[in-house]
């Protein structure tokens, strides 16, 4: 495997979205809380609409924001993982990190996260959210120095699916040095 990690370019938004879709389908359906594969498919149906295409174009414009950085991992020219991080006045945030199922447990997530850590620096706390039932991701974040906060994430701030169902989330923080 010849994996190459690089800064993301605006045109990557389309492949990033595909990585996100595949990873969500593999991760977020949960019979215990009633989130189905259909719920996840519906989340990504918007991509086929004019509105969805417009949102992707807006994401491309977001590459001009110097407080947001994105990295992708490529295998033979195809994006297989990505990470998005944001610098902010109060604290920093890992907005997203997704690795295709076939590429998980190979160190890509750690490499991407380390690039984000280097860019964000160690002067401010770094926050991220994870699905509360995604224990493999939570364990991974714990291994990278994150701890769960006591913050209860209000429903209006969690990922809402077109069906009205919400993916419950926990907040984690990596304290500054």
Protein backbone atom coordinates (compact mmCIF):
# COMPACT_ATOMS: atom_id res chain seq x y z
CA UNK A 1 0.00 0.00 0.00
CA UNK A 2 1.43 3.34 -1.08
CA UNK A 3 -0.49 5.74 1.14
CA UNK A 4 0.29 9.41 0.65
CA UNK A 5 -0.90 12.05 3.12
CA UNK A 6 -1.20 15.61 1.89
CA UNK A 7 -3.03 18.86 2.46
CA UNK A 8 -6.48 18.72 0.98
CA UNK A 9 -7.42 20.75 -2.08
CA UNK A 10 -10.86 22.23 -2.80
CA UNK A 11 -11.76 19.62 -5.43
CA UNK A 12 -11.26 16.90 -2.81
CA UNK A 13 -14.65 17.73 -1.27
CA UNK A 14 -16.41 15.21 -3.53
CA UNK A 15 -14.19 12.27 -2.58
CA UNK A 16 -14.14 13.38 1.07
CA UNK A 17 -17.93 13.21 1.04
CA UNK A 18 -17.77 9.65 -0.34
CA UNK A 19 -15.36 8.60 2.42
CA UNK A 20 -17.74 10.15 4.92
CA UNK A 21 -20.75 8.33 3.44
CA UNK A 22 -19.08 4.91 3.41
CA UNK A 23 -17.71 5.37 6.92
CA UNK A 24 -21.08 6.53 8.27
CA UNK A 25 -22.80 3.48 6.74
CA UNK A 26 -20.23 1.26 8.43
CA UNK A 27 -20.32 3.04 11.79
CA UNK A 28 -23.57 4.78 12.67
CA UNK A 29 -26.48 2.36 12.15
CA UNK A 30 -27.48 1.18 15.64
CA UNK A 31 -30.49 -0.99 16.37
CA UNK A 32 -30.42 -0.14 20.08
CA UNK A 33 -31.22 3.53 19.43
CA UNK A 34 -33.12 2.93 16.19
CA UNK A 35 -30.72 4.38 13.61
CA UNK A 36 -30.96 2.34 10.43
CA UNK A 37 -28.91 2.01 7.27
CA UNK A 38 -31.83 3.74 5.54
CA UNK A 39 -31.45 6.72 7.90
CA UNK A 40 -27.80 7.05 6.89
CA UNK A 41 -28.56 6.65 3.18
CA UNK A 42 -31.15 9.43 3.48
CA UNK A 43 -28.53 11.72 5.08
CA UNK A 44 -26.49 11.54 1.88
CA UNK A 45 -29.37 11.67 -0.62
CA UNK A 46 -29.09 15.47 -0.63
CA UNK A 47 -25.79 15.10 -2.53
CA UNK A 48 -27.80 14.15 -5.63
CA UNK A 49 -29.78 17.40 -5.54
CA UNK A 50 -28.95 20.91 -6.70
CA UNK A 51 -29.01 22.01 -3.06
CA UNK A 52 -26.50 19.31 -2.12
CA UNK A 53 -24.20 20.22 -5.01
CA UNK A 54 -24.40 23.87 -3.93
CA UNK A 55 -23.38 22.87 -0.37
CA UNK A 56 -20.33 21.05 -1.75
CA UNK A 57 -19.37 24.14 -3.75
CA UNK A 58 -19.68 26.20 -0.55
CA UNK A 59 -17.35 23.74 1.18
CA UNK A 60 -14.85 24.37 -1.60
CA UNK A 61 -15.00 28.11 -0.84
CA UNK A 62 -14.28 27.26 2.80
CA UNK A 63 -10.73 26.34 1.81
CA UNK A 64 -9.98 30.07 1.84
CA UNK A 65 -10.49 30.15 5.63
CA UNK A 66 -6.99 30.09 7.15
CA UNK A 67 -8.41 28.92 10.51
CA UNK A 68 -9.49 25.59 9.01
CA UNK A 69 -7.11 22.98 7.69
CA UNK A 70 -7.74 19.66 6.00
CA UNK A 71 -5.59 16.65 5.25
CA UNK A 72 -6.31 13.60 3.15
CA UNK A 73 -4.73 10.18 2.85
CA UNK A 74 -4.63 8.75 -0.66
CA UNK A 75 -4.08 5.24 -1.92
CA UNK A 76 -3.27 5.17 -5.63
CA UNK A 77 -4.79 8.61 -6.10
CA UNK A 78 -8.04 7.87 -4.26
CA UNK A 79 -8.88 9.47 -0.91
CA UNK A 80 -9.24 6.83 1.80
CA UNK A 81 -9.19 9.06 4.90
CA UNK A 82 -9.40 12.70 5.92
CA UNK A 83 -9.15 15.03 8.90
CA UNK A 84 -10.49 18.56 9.35
CA UNK A 85 -9.35 20.86 12.16
CA UNK A 86 -10.26 24.40 13.20
CA UNK A 87 -8.33 27.01 15.15
CA UNK A 88 -10.50 29.26 17.30
CA UNK A 89 -9.96 31.99 19.86
CA UNK A 90 -11.07 30.02 22.92
CA UNK A 91 -10.06 26.47 21.96
CA UNK A 92 -9.37 24.36 18.89
CA UNK A 93 -11.45 21.57 17.39
CA UNK A 94 -11.09 18.40 15.37
CA UNK A 95 -14.20 18.74 13.20
CA UNK A 96 -13.96 15.37 11.51
CA UNK A 97 -11.68 12.41 11.05
CA UNK A 98 -12.82 9.48 8.96
CA UNK A 99 -10.95 6.46 7.64
CA UNK A 100 -12.52 4.00 5.21
CA UNK A 101 -13.23 0.65 6.93
CA UNK A 102 -10.64 -1.26 4.85
CA UNK A 103 -7.94 1.22 5.94
CA UNK A 104 -8.71 1.36 9.65
CA UNK A 105 -6.23 0.06 12.26
CA UNK A 106 -3.27 0.83 10.01
CA UNK A 107 -2.17 4.06 11.68
CA UNK A 108 -3.76 6.50 9.21
CA UNK A 109 -6.05 8.09 11.78
CA UNK A 110 -3.11 8.62 14.12
CA UNK A 111 -1.00 10.15 11.35
CA UNK A 112 -3.79 12.52 10.35
CA UNK A 113 -4.47 13.47 13.96
CA UNK A 114 -0.77 14.14 14.56
CA UNK A 115 -0.73 16.51 11.58
CA UNK A 116 -3.73 18.30 13.07
CA UNK A 117 -2.03 18.46 16.49
CA UNK A 118 1.12 19.93 14.94
CA UNK A 119 -0.90 22.57 13.09
CA UNK A 120 -3.14 23.40 16.06
CA UNK A 121 -0.25 23.57 18.51
CA UNK A 122 -0.33 22.83 22.22
CA UNK A 123 -1.33 26.22 23.66
CA UNK A 124 -5.11 25.61 23.64
CA UNK A 125 -7.37 22.69 24.48
CA UNK A 126 -8.54 20.63 21.51
CA UNK A 127 -12.12 19.39 21.49
CA UNK A 128 -13.96 16.85 19.36
CA UNK A 129 -17.27 15.01 19.40
CA UNK A 130 -17.89 11.32 18.80
CA UNK A 131 -21.02 9.22 18.57
CA UNK A 132 -21.63 8.06 22.13
CA UNK A 133 -21.96 4.44 20.98
CA UNK A 134 -18.86 4.46 18.75
CA UNK A 135 -16.62 2.84 21.35
CA UNK A 136 -13.79 1.99 18.91
CA UNK A 137 -13.46 5.70 18.03
CA UNK A 138 -13.70 6.77 21.68
CA UNK A 139 -10.99 4.24 22.58
CA UNK A 140 -8.82 5.59 19.76
CA UNK A 141 -9.24 9.15 21.02
CA UNK A 142 -8.38 8.06 24.56
CA UNK A 143 -5.14 6.55 23.19
CA UNK A 144 -4.38 9.94 21.61
CA UNK A 145 -4.73 11.76 24.93
CA UNK A 146 -8.38 12.82 24.84
CA UNK A 147 -10.67 12.49 27.84
CA UNK A 148 -14.45 12.75 27.97
CA UNK A 149 -15.86 15.97 29.35
CA UNK A 150 -18.91 16.30 31.56
CA UNK A 151 -20.62 18.46 28.95
CA UNK A 152 -24.04 17.23 27.92
CA UNK A 153 -24.43 18.01 24.24
CA UNK A 154 -27.87 19.49 23.60
CA UNK A 155 -29.93 17.77 20.91
CA UNK A 156 -29.88 20.86 18.71
CA UNK A 157 -26.09 20.53 18.51
CA UNK A 158 -25.90 16.86 17.52
CA UNK A 159 -26.13 15.33 14.09
CA UNK A 160 -29.76 15.20 13.05
CA UNK A 161 -30.79 12.76 10.35
CA UNK A 162 -33.53 13.48 7.77
CA UNK A 163 -35.77 11.01 9.64
CA UNK A 164 -35.60 13.27 12.70
CA UNK A 165 -33.46 10.81 14.62
CA UNK A 166 -30.31 12.15 16.27
CA UNK A 167 -26.92 10.55 16.67
CA UNK A 168 -26.08 11.02 20.37
CA UNK A 169 -22.61 12.43 20.93
CA UNK A 170 -20.03 12.75 23.66
CA UNK A 171 -17.49 15.55 23.87
CA UNK A 172 -13.82 14.81 24.38
CA UNK A 173 -10.92 17.16 25.07
CA UNK A 174 -7.16 16.99 24.82
CA UNK A 175 -5.89 19.47 27.38
CA UNK A 176 -3.14 21.88 26.38
CA UNK A 177 0.33 21.24 27.76
